[in-house]
Amino acid sequence: MLRPIAKSVEAMEDYKIAIEFDSGEKKIFDVSPYITGSWYGELSDVNYFKSVFANGFTVEWPHGQDLCPDEIYYNSEPA
């Protein structure tokens, strides 16, 4: 079975994102452990963090930061 694709995403408090997958599942993923270094560190700016969007495959931010689709699906909690 193929992993579901991120259909929509919404930024939440505490650097979490709510993701709806094309399977109809809704899950919550904690991004905070990933916000380190020069590349992902930009996500620590709350306004930038809130600019997350679903790109038709996974979730992404305007400057190209994205998360592995397997990571967001298998390591998220049901909403």
N, C-alpha and C. Protein backbone atom coordinates (compact mmCIF):
# COMPACT_ATOMS: atom_id res chain seq x y z
N MET A 1 0.84 -1.19 0.00
CA MET A 1 0.00 0.00 0.00
C MET A 1 0.88 1.24 0.00
N LEU A 2 0.52 2.20 -0.80
CA LEU A 2 1.25 3.46 -0.82
C LEU A 2 0.86 4.32 0.37
N ARG A 3 1.82 5.06 0.84
CA ARG A 3 1.56 5.97 1.96
C ARG A 3 0.67 7.10 1.46
N PRO A 4 -0.29 7.54 2.28
CA PRO A 4 -1.14 8.66 1.90
C PRO A 4 -0.32 9.94 1.68
N ILE A 5 -0.86 10.82 0.86
CA ILE A 5 -0.22 12.09 0.51
C ILE A 5 -0.85 13.21 1.32
N ALA A 6 -0.02 14.16 1.76
CA ALA A 6 -0.52 15.32 2.50
C ALA A 6 -1.39 16.17 1.57
N LYS A 7 -2.64 16.33 1.95
CA LYS A 7 -3.61 17.09 1.15
C LYS A 7 -3.70 18.53 1.64
N SER A 8 -3.65 18.72 2.95
CA SER A 8 -3.69 20.07 3.53
C SER A 8 -2.93 20.04 4.85
N VAL A 9 -2.49 21.22 5.27
CA VAL A 9 -1.73 21.33 6.52
C VAL A 9 -2.04 22.67 7.16
N GLU A 10 -2.04 22.66 8.48
CA GLU A 10 -2.28 23.89 9.24
C GLU A 10 -1.30 23.94 10.40
N ALA A 11 -0.64 25.09 10.58
CA ALA A 11 0.27 25.29 11.70
C ALA A 11 -0.53 25.42 12.99
N MET A 12 -0.01 24.84 14.05
CA MET A 12 -0.64 24.88 15.37
C MET A 12 0.34 25.50 16.36
N GLU A 13 -0.07 25.58 17.61
CA GLU A 13 0.80 26.06 18.68
C GLU A 13 1.93 25.07 18.91
N ASP A 14 3.00 25.54 19.55
CA ASP A 14 4.13 24.69 19.96
C ASP A 14 4.79 23.93 18.81
N TYR A 15 4.82 24.55 17.65
CA TYR A 15 5.52 23.99 16.48
C TYR A 15 4.98 22.61 16.07
N LYS A 16 3.67 22.50 16.12
CA LYS A 16 3.01 21.28 15.63
C LYS A 16 2.22 21.65 14.39
N ILE A 17 2.02 20.67 13.54
CA ILE A 17 1.21 20.87 12.35
C ILE A 17 0.11 19.81 12.29
N ALA A 18 -1.06 20.22 11.87
CA ALA A 18 -2.19 19.31 11.66
C ALA A 18 -2.24 19.02 10.16
N ILE A 19 -2.17 17.76 9.82
CA ILE A 19 -2.11 17.35 8.41
C ILE A 19 -3.33 16.49 8.08
N GLU A 20 -3.96 16.79 6.96
CA GLU A 20 -5.01 15.93 6.43
C GLU A 20 -4.44 15.23 5.21
N PHE A 21 -4.55 13.91 5.21
CA PHE A 21 -4.02 13.10 4.11
C PHE A 21 -5.13 12.75 3.14
N ASP A 22 -4.74 12.38 1.92
CA ASP A 22 -5.73 12.04 0.91
C ASP A 22 -6.53 10.79 1.25
N SER A 23 -6.12 10.07 2.27
CA SER A 23 -6.87 8.90 2.75
C SER A 23 -8.02 9.31 3.67
N GLY A 24 -8.06 10.61 4.02
CA GLY A 24 -9.07 11.11 4.96
C GLY A 24 -8.57 11.17 6.39
N GLU A 25 -7.39 10.58 6.64
CA GLU A 25 -6.82 10.61 7.99
C GLU A 25 -6.35 12.02 8.34
N LYS A 26 -6.51 12.36 9.61
CA LYS A 26 -6.01 13.63 10.12
C LYS A 26 -5.03 13.31 11.25
N LYS A 27 -3.83 13.88 11.15
CA LYS A 27 -2.79 13.58 12.13
C LYS A 27 -2.08 14.86 12.56
N ILE A 28 -1.41 14.77 13.70
CA ILE A 28 -0.64 15.90 14.22
C ILE A 28 0.82 15.49 14.32
N PHE A 29 1.68 16.34 13.79
CA PHE A 29 3.12 16.07 13.76
C PHE A 29 3.84 17.18 14.50
N ASP A 30 4.76 16.80 15.38
CA ASP A 30 5.56 17.75 16.14
C ASP A 30 6.84 18.07 15.38
N VAL A 31 6.96 19.29 14.91
CA VAL A 31 8.11 19.71 14.12
C VAL A 31 9.26 20.18 15.03
N SER A 32 8.99 20.47 16.29
CA SER A 32 9.99 21.10 17.17
C SER A 32 11.34 20.38 17.22
N PRO A 33 11.43 19.05 17.21
CA PRO A 33 12.74 18.41 17.24
C PRO A 33 13.60 18.67 15.98
N TYR A 34 12.97 19.11 14.91
CA TYR A 34 13.67 19.32 13.65
C TYR A 34 14.19 20.76 13.50
N ILE A 35 13.75 21.65 14.38
CA ILE A 35 14.09 23.07 14.24
C ILE A 35 15.47 23.34 14.82
N THR A 36 16.48 22.95 14.06
CA THR A 36 17.88 23.17 14.46
C THR A 36 18.69 23.51 13.22
N GLY A 37 19.87 24.04 13.42
CA GLY A 37 20.77 24.33 12.32
C GLY A 37 20.32 25.50 11.47
N SER A 38 21.12 25.79 10.48
CA SER A 38 20.82 26.96 9.65
C SER A 38 19.65 26.74 8.70
N TRP A 39 19.44 25.51 8.24
CA TRP A 39 18.36 25.25 7.27
C TRP A 39 16.99 25.20 7.94
N TYR A 40 16.81 24.34 8.91
CA TYR A 40 15.51 24.22 9.58
C TYR A 40 15.35 25.23 10.71
N GLY A 41 16.43 25.86 11.13
CA GLY A 41 16.36 26.86 12.20
C GLY A 41 15.44 28.02 11.86
N GLU A 42 15.28 28.31 10.59
CA GLU A 42 14.39 29.38 10.16
C GLU A 42 12.95 29.14 10.61
N LEU A 43 12.60 27.87 10.83
CA LEU A 43 11.24 27.53 11.27
C LEU A 43 10.95 28.02 12.69
N SER A 44 11.99 28.40 13.44
CA SER A 44 11.77 28.90 14.80
C SER A 44 11.05 30.25 14.80
N ASP A 45 11.07 30.96 13.67
CA ASP A 45 10.29 32.20 13.52
C ASP A 45 8.83 31.77 13.35
N VAL A 46 8.01 32.08 14.33
CA VAL A 46 6.62 31.61 14.35
C VAL A 46 5.87 32.03 13.09
N ASN A 47 6.07 33.26 12.65
CA ASN A 47 5.36 33.72 11.45
C ASN A 47 5.78 32.91 10.22
N TYR A 48 7.06 32.61 10.11
CA TYR A 48 7.52 31.79 8.99
C TYR A 48 6.99 30.36 9.14
N PHE A 49 7.02 29.82 10.35
CA PHE A 49 6.51 28.47 10.60
C PHE A 49 5.07 28.34 10.11
N LYS A 50 4.27 29.38 10.34
CA LYS A 50 2.85 29.36 9.97
C LYS A 50 2.64 29.40 8.45
N SER A 51 3.69 29.63 7.67
CA SER A 51 3.54 29.70 6.22
C SER A 51 3.62 28.31 5.57
N VAL A 52 3.58 27.25 6.35
CA VAL A 52 3.64 25.88 5.84
C VAL A 52 2.49 25.62 4.86
N PHE A 53 2.76 24.78 3.87
CA PHE A 53 1.72 24.42 2.91
C PHE A 53 1.95 22.99 2.43
N ALA A 54 0.89 22.38 1.94
CA ALA A 54 0.98 21.06 1.33
C ALA A 54 1.34 21.26 -0.14
N ASN A 55 2.36 20.56 -0.61
CA ASN A 55 2.84 20.76 -1.98
C ASN A 55 2.38 19.66 -2.96
N GLY A 56 1.39 18.90 -2.55
CA GLY A 56 0.90 17.83 -3.42
C GLY A 56 1.56 16.49 -3.14
N PHE A 57 2.49 16.49 -2.19
CA PHE A 57 3.21 15.27 -1.84
C PHE A 57 3.49 15.23 -0.34
N THR A 58 4.07 16.30 0.17
CA THR A 58 4.42 16.41 1.58
C THR A 58 4.12 17.83 2.05
N VAL A 59 4.73 18.27 3.15
CA VAL A 59 4.57 19.64 3.62
C VAL A 59 5.87 20.40 3.39
N GLU A 60 5.74 21.70 3.15
CA GLU A 60 6.91 22.50 2.77
C GLU A 60 6.71 23.93 3.25
N TRP A 61 7.82 24.65 3.36
CA TRP A 61 7.81 26.08 3.69
C TRP A 61 8.35 26.84 2.49
N PRO A 62 8.08 28.15 2.40
CA PRO A 62 8.42 28.94 1.21
C PRO A 62 9.88 28.89 0.76
N HIS A 63 10.82 28.71 1.68
CA HIS A 63 12.23 28.70 1.27
C HIS A 63 12.74 27.29 0.97
N GLY A 64 11.83 26.33 0.91
CA GLY A 64 12.19 24.98 0.47
C GLY A 64 12.35 23.93 1.56
N GLN A 65 12.27 24.33 2.82
CA GLN A 65 12.35 23.31 3.87
C GLN A 65 11.13 22.39 3.73
N ASP A 66 11.38 21.11 3.79
CA ASP A 66 10.29 20.16 3.74
C ASP A 66 10.60 19.00 4.67
N LEU A 67 9.62 18.14 4.84
CA LEU A 67 9.78 16.97 5.70
C LEU A 67 9.48 15.72 4.89
N CYS A 68 10.21 14.68 5.17
CA CYS A 68 10.02 13.41 4.48
C CYS A 68 8.56 12.96 4.63
N PRO A 69 7.90 12.60 3.55
CA PRO A 69 6.51 12.17 3.64
C PRO A 69 6.32 10.95 4.55
N ASP A 70 7.27 10.02 4.54
CA ASP A 70 7.17 8.88 5.45
C ASP A 70 7.24 9.34 6.90
N GLU A 71 8.11 10.29 7.17
CA GLU A 71 8.29 10.82 8.52
C GLU A 71 6.99 11.43 9.05
N ILE A 72 6.37 12.29 8.24
CA ILE A 72 5.16 12.96 8.74
C ILE A 72 3.98 12.00 8.86
N TYR A 73 3.95 10.96 8.06
CA TYR A 73 2.83 10.03 8.15
C TYR A 73 3.02 9.03 9.30
N TYR A 74 4.16 8.38 9.34
CA TYR A 74 4.36 7.30 10.31
C TYR A 74 4.72 7.79 11.72
N ASN A 75 5.21 9.02 11.85
CA ASN A 75 5.60 9.53 13.16
C ASN A 75 4.69 10.63 13.66
N SER A 76 3.45 10.63 13.22
CA SER A 76 2.49 11.60 13.71
C SER A 76 1.42 10.86 14.53
N GLU A 77 0.69 11.65 15.28
CA GLU A 77 -0.35 11.10 16.15
C GLU A 77 -1.73 11.36 15.51
N PRO A 78 -2.67 10.46 15.68
CA PRO A 78 -4.01 10.73 15.18
C PRO A 78 -4.57 12.00 15.82
N ALA A 79 -5.27 12.78 15.02
CA ALA A 79 -5.87 14.03 15.52
C ALA A 79 -7.17 13.73 16.25
